[in-house]
Amino acid sequence: MFGNIGFPELLVILVIALLVFGPKKLPEVGRSIGKALREFRKTSDEIKEKIEEEIHAEEFKDIKEEINKQVGEDEEGKKVS
């Protein structure tokens, strides 16, 4: 999640955050960041699900068209002579 950030880098970031926000505001800032990350993850998961649904719908449409061609029917479902 954090990429290539190791423990020493994370420790420096936390110390800087403590100096900037102070010990009283730091938990509130942490909760706000956590909430924002959860919302971002939730939204990205919803978008991913919608894209996957569209892909599956398109695949089913292609399969239906292929079956209709193999059976010899046109788009209205009537037999083609």
C-alpha atoms as a PDB file:
ATOM      1  CA  MET A   1       0.000   0.000   0.000  1.00  0.00           C
ATOM      2  CA  PHE A   2       2.769   2.432   0.846  1.00  0.00           C
ATOM      3  CA  GLY A   3       5.032   1.361  -1.993  1.00  0.00           C
ATOM      4  CA  ASN A   4       8.694   1.332  -1.049  1.00  0.00           C
ATOM      5  CA  ILE A   5       8.346   3.191   2.258  1.00  0.00           C
ATOM      6  CA  GLY A   6      10.275   1.342   4.923  1.00  0.00           C
ATOM      7  CA  PHE A   7      10.142   1.600   8.698  1.00  0.00           C
ATOM      8  CA  PRO A   8      12.710   4.447   8.992  1.00  0.00           C
ATOM      9  CA  GLU A   9      10.856   6.575   6.436  1.00  0.00           C
ATOM     10  CA  LEU A  10       7.515   5.893   8.139  1.00  0.00           C
ATOM     11  CA  LEU A  11       8.998   6.852  11.492  1.00  0.00           C
ATOM     12  CA  VAL A  12      10.247  10.181  10.078  1.00  0.00           C
ATOM     13  CA  ILE A  13       6.803  10.896   8.590  1.00  0.00           C
ATOM     14  CA  LEU A  14       5.131  10.175  11.944  1.00  0.00           C
ATOM     15  CA  VAL A  15       7.546  12.455  13.819  1.00  0.00           C
ATOM     16  CA  ILE A  16       6.942  15.277  11.338  1.00  0.00           C
ATOM     17  CA  ALA A  17       3.164  14.767  11.623  1.00  0.00           C
ATOM     18  CA  LEU A  18       3.457  14.878  15.416  1.00  0.00           C
ATOM     19  CA  LEU A  19       5.380  18.153  15.237  1.00  0.00           C
ATOM     20  CA  VAL A  20       2.981  19.718  12.731  1.00  0.00           C
ATOM     21  CA  PHE A  21      -0.353  18.646  14.239  1.00  0.00           C
ATOM     22  CA  GLY A  22       0.569  18.096  17.873  1.00  0.00           C
ATOM     23  CA  PRO A  23      -0.279  15.154  20.099  1.00  0.00           C
ATOM     24  CA  LYS A  24      -3.917  16.221  20.646  1.00  0.00           C
ATOM     25  CA  LYS A  25      -4.852  16.571  16.962  1.00  0.00           C
ATOM     26  CA  LEU A  26      -2.875  13.577  15.638  1.00  0.00           C
ATOM     27  CA  PRO A  27      -5.525  10.903  16.447  1.00  0.00           C
ATOM     28  CA  GLU A  28      -8.216  13.034  14.793  1.00  0.00           C
ATOM     29  CA  VAL A  29      -6.064  13.485  11.691  1.00  0.00           C
ATOM     30  CA  GLY A  30      -5.379   9.730  11.609  1.00  0.00           C
ATOM     31  CA  ARG A  31      -9.091   8.935  11.781  1.00  0.00           C
ATOM     32  CA  SER A  32      -9.828  11.416   8.991  1.00  0.00           C
ATOM     33  CA  ILE A  33      -7.156   9.927   6.765  1.00  0.00           C
ATOM     34  CA  GLY A  34      -8.399   6.395   7.516  1.00  0.00           C
ATOM     35  CA  LYS A  35     -11.976   7.371   6.681  1.00  0.00           C
ATOM     36  CA  ALA A  36     -10.880   8.986   3.420  1.00  0.00           C
ATOM     37  CA  LEU A  37      -8.878   5.895   2.428  1.00  0.00           C
ATOM     38  CA  ARG A  38     -11.854   3.619   3.204  1.00  0.00           C
ATOM     39  CA  GLU A  39     -14.161   5.773   1.074  1.00  0.00           C
ATOM     40  CA  PHE A  40     -11.641   5.803  -1.769  1.00  0.00           C
ATOM     41  CA  ARG A  41     -11.250   2.017  -1.611  1.00  0.00           C
ATOM     42  CA  LYS A  42     -15.040   1.522  -1.479  1.00  0.00           C
ATOM     43  CA  THR A  43     -15.575   3.784  -4.483  1.00  0.00           C
ATOM     44  CA  SER A  44     -12.818   2.134  -6.492  1.00  0.00           C
ATOM     45  CA  ASP A  45     -14.255  -1.328  -5.701  1.00  0.00           C
ATOM     46  CA  GLU A  46     -17.709  -0.189  -6.874  1.00  0.00           C
ATOM     47  CA  ILE A  47     -16.251   1.149 -10.115  1.00  0.00           C
ATOM     48  CA  LYS A  48     -14.350  -2.095 -10.632  1.00  0.00           C
ATOM     49  CA  GLU A  49     -17.547  -4.128 -10.112  1.00  0.00           C
ATOM     50  CA  LYS A  50     -19.468  -1.983 -12.610  1.00  0.00           C
ATOM     51  CA  ILE A  51     -16.745  -2.425 -15.231  1.00  0.00           C
ATOM     52  CA  GLU A  52     -16.718  -6.193 -14.683  1.00  0.00           C
ATOM     53  CA  GLU A  53     -20.530  -6.301 -15.022  1.00  0.00           C
ATOM     54  CA  GLU A  54     -20.327  -4.431 -18.320  1.00  0.00           C
ATOM     55  CA  ILE A  55     -17.641  -6.805 -19.589  1.00  0.00           C
ATOM     56  CA  HIS A  56     -19.773  -9.841 -18.682  1.00  0.00           C
ATOM     57  CA  ALA A  57     -22.855  -8.298 -20.312  1.00  0.00           C
ATOM     58  CA  GLU A  58     -20.887  -7.692 -23.507  1.00  0.00           C
ATOM     59  CA  GLU A  59     -19.567 -11.270 -23.433  1.00  0.00           C
ATOM     60  CA  PHE A  60     -23.110 -12.634 -23.075  1.00  0.00           C
ATOM     61  CA  LYS A  61     -24.266 -10.470 -25.978  1.00  0.00           C
ATOM     62  CA  ASP A  62     -21.442 -11.802 -28.149  1.00  0.00           C
ATOM     63  CA  ILE A  63     -22.252 -15.397 -27.176  1.00  0.00           C
ATOM     64  CA  LYS A  64     -25.947 -14.866 -27.988  1.00  0.00           C
ATOM     65  CA  GLU A  65     -25.097 -13.432 -31.403  1.00  0.00           C
ATOM     66  CA  GLU A  66     -22.751 -16.341 -32.118  1.00  0.00           C
ATOM     67  CA  ILE A  67     -25.387 -18.898 -31.128  1.00  0.00           C
ATOM     68  CA  ASN A  68     -27.994 -17.167 -33.298  1.00  0.00           C
ATOM     69  CA  LYS A  69     -25.632 -17.303 -36.273  1.00  0.00           C
ATOM     70  CA  GLN A  70     -24.908 -20.979 -35.697  1.00  0.00           C
ATOM     71  CA  VAL A  71     -28.598 -21.861 -35.409  1.00  0.00           C
ATOM     72  CA  GLY A  72     -29.397 -19.836 -38.520  1.00  0.00           C
ATOM     73  CA  GLU A  73     -31.637 -17.190 -37.043  1.00  0.00           C
ATOM     74  CA  ASP A  74     -31.667 -13.493 -37.703  1.00  0.00           C
ATOM     75  CA  GLU A  75     -31.874 -10.788 -35.014  1.00  0.00           C
ATOM     76  CA  GLU A  76     -35.683 -11.126 -34.641  1.00  0.00           C
ATOM     77  CA  GLY A  77     -35.377 -14.822 -33.896  1.00  0.00           C
ATOM     78  CA  LYS A  78     -36.951 -15.963 -37.185  1.00  0.00           C
ATOM     79  CA  LYS A  79     -35.553 -18.869 -39.150  1.00  0.00           C
ATOM     80  CA  VAL A  80     -33.473 -17.879 -42.149  1.00  0.00           C
ATOM     81  CA  SER A  81     -34.015 -20.090 -45.218  1.00  0.00           C
END
